[in-house]
Amino acid sequence: TWSMTVTKNWRLTFRLNEQGQLCDMALEDYHGA
């Protein structure tokens, strides 16, 4: 699983499948509101 900070407390998480394609992508508030 990989993640990137988008802005402030948001991050984009995803993983790569066997073909190198992105899957299970989600935009998350990692501080949780």
C-alpha atoms as a PDB file:
ATOM      1  CA  THR A   1       0.000   0.000   0.000  1.00  0.00           C
ATOM      2  CA  TRP A   2       1.202   3.490  -0.863  1.00  0.00           C
ATOM      3  CA  SER A   3       0.019   6.889   0.346  1.00  0.00           C
ATOM      4  CA  MET A   4       0.515  10.537  -0.616  1.00  0.00           C
ATOM      5  CA  THR A   5      -0.396  13.683   1.296  1.00  0.00           C
ATOM      6  CA  VAL A   6      -2.836  15.732  -0.771  1.00  0.00           C
ATOM      7  CA  THR A   7      -3.302  18.810   1.419  1.00  0.00           C
ATOM      8  CA  LYS A   8      -3.284  19.410   5.168  1.00  0.00           C
ATOM      9  CA  ASN A   9      -4.829  16.323   6.793  1.00  0.00           C
ATOM     10  CA  TRP A  10      -5.934  14.584   3.571  1.00  0.00           C
ATOM     11  CA  ARG A  11      -4.062  11.753   1.914  1.00  0.00           C
ATOM     12  CA  LEU A  12      -4.536   9.522  -1.100  1.00  0.00           C
ATOM     13  CA  THR A  13      -3.982   5.813  -0.456  1.00  0.00           C
ATOM     14  CA  PHE A  14      -3.746   3.080  -3.062  1.00  0.00           C
ATOM     15  CA  ARG A  15      -2.018  -0.149  -3.990  1.00  0.00           C
ATOM     16  CA  LEU A  16      -0.651  -1.595  -7.203  1.00  0.00           C
ATOM     17  CA  ASN A  17      -1.897  -4.899  -8.590  1.00  0.00           C
ATOM     18  CA  GLU A  18       0.235  -7.523 -10.367  1.00  0.00           C
ATOM     19  CA  GLN A  19      -0.044  -5.605 -13.657  1.00  0.00           C
ATOM     20  CA  GLY A  20       1.202  -2.379 -12.028  1.00  0.00           C
ATOM     21  CA  GLN A  21      -2.240  -0.754 -12.129  1.00  0.00           C
ATOM     22  CA  LEU A  22      -3.627   1.374  -9.301  1.00  0.00           C
ATOM     23  CA  CYS A  23      -6.470  -0.162  -7.300  1.00  0.00           C
ATOM     24  CA  ASP A  24      -8.212   0.330  -3.949  1.00  0.00           C
ATOM     25  CA  MET A  25      -7.752   4.103  -4.248  1.00  0.00           C
ATOM     26  CA  ALA A  26      -9.225   6.267  -1.471  1.00  0.00           C
ATOM     27  CA  LEU A  27      -9.063   9.910  -0.363  1.00  0.00           C
ATOM     28  CA  GLU A  28      -8.939   9.876   3.445  1.00  0.00           C
ATOM     29  CA  ASP A  29      -9.019  12.397   6.290  1.00  0.00           C
ATOM     30  CA  TYR A  30      -6.349  10.740   8.407  1.00  0.00           C
ATOM     31  CA  HIS A  31      -7.065  12.903  11.468  1.00  0.00           C
ATOM     32  CA  GLY A  32     -10.659  11.647  11.383  1.00  0.00           C
ATOM     33  CA  ALA A  33     -13.394  14.121  12.039  1.00  0.00           C
END
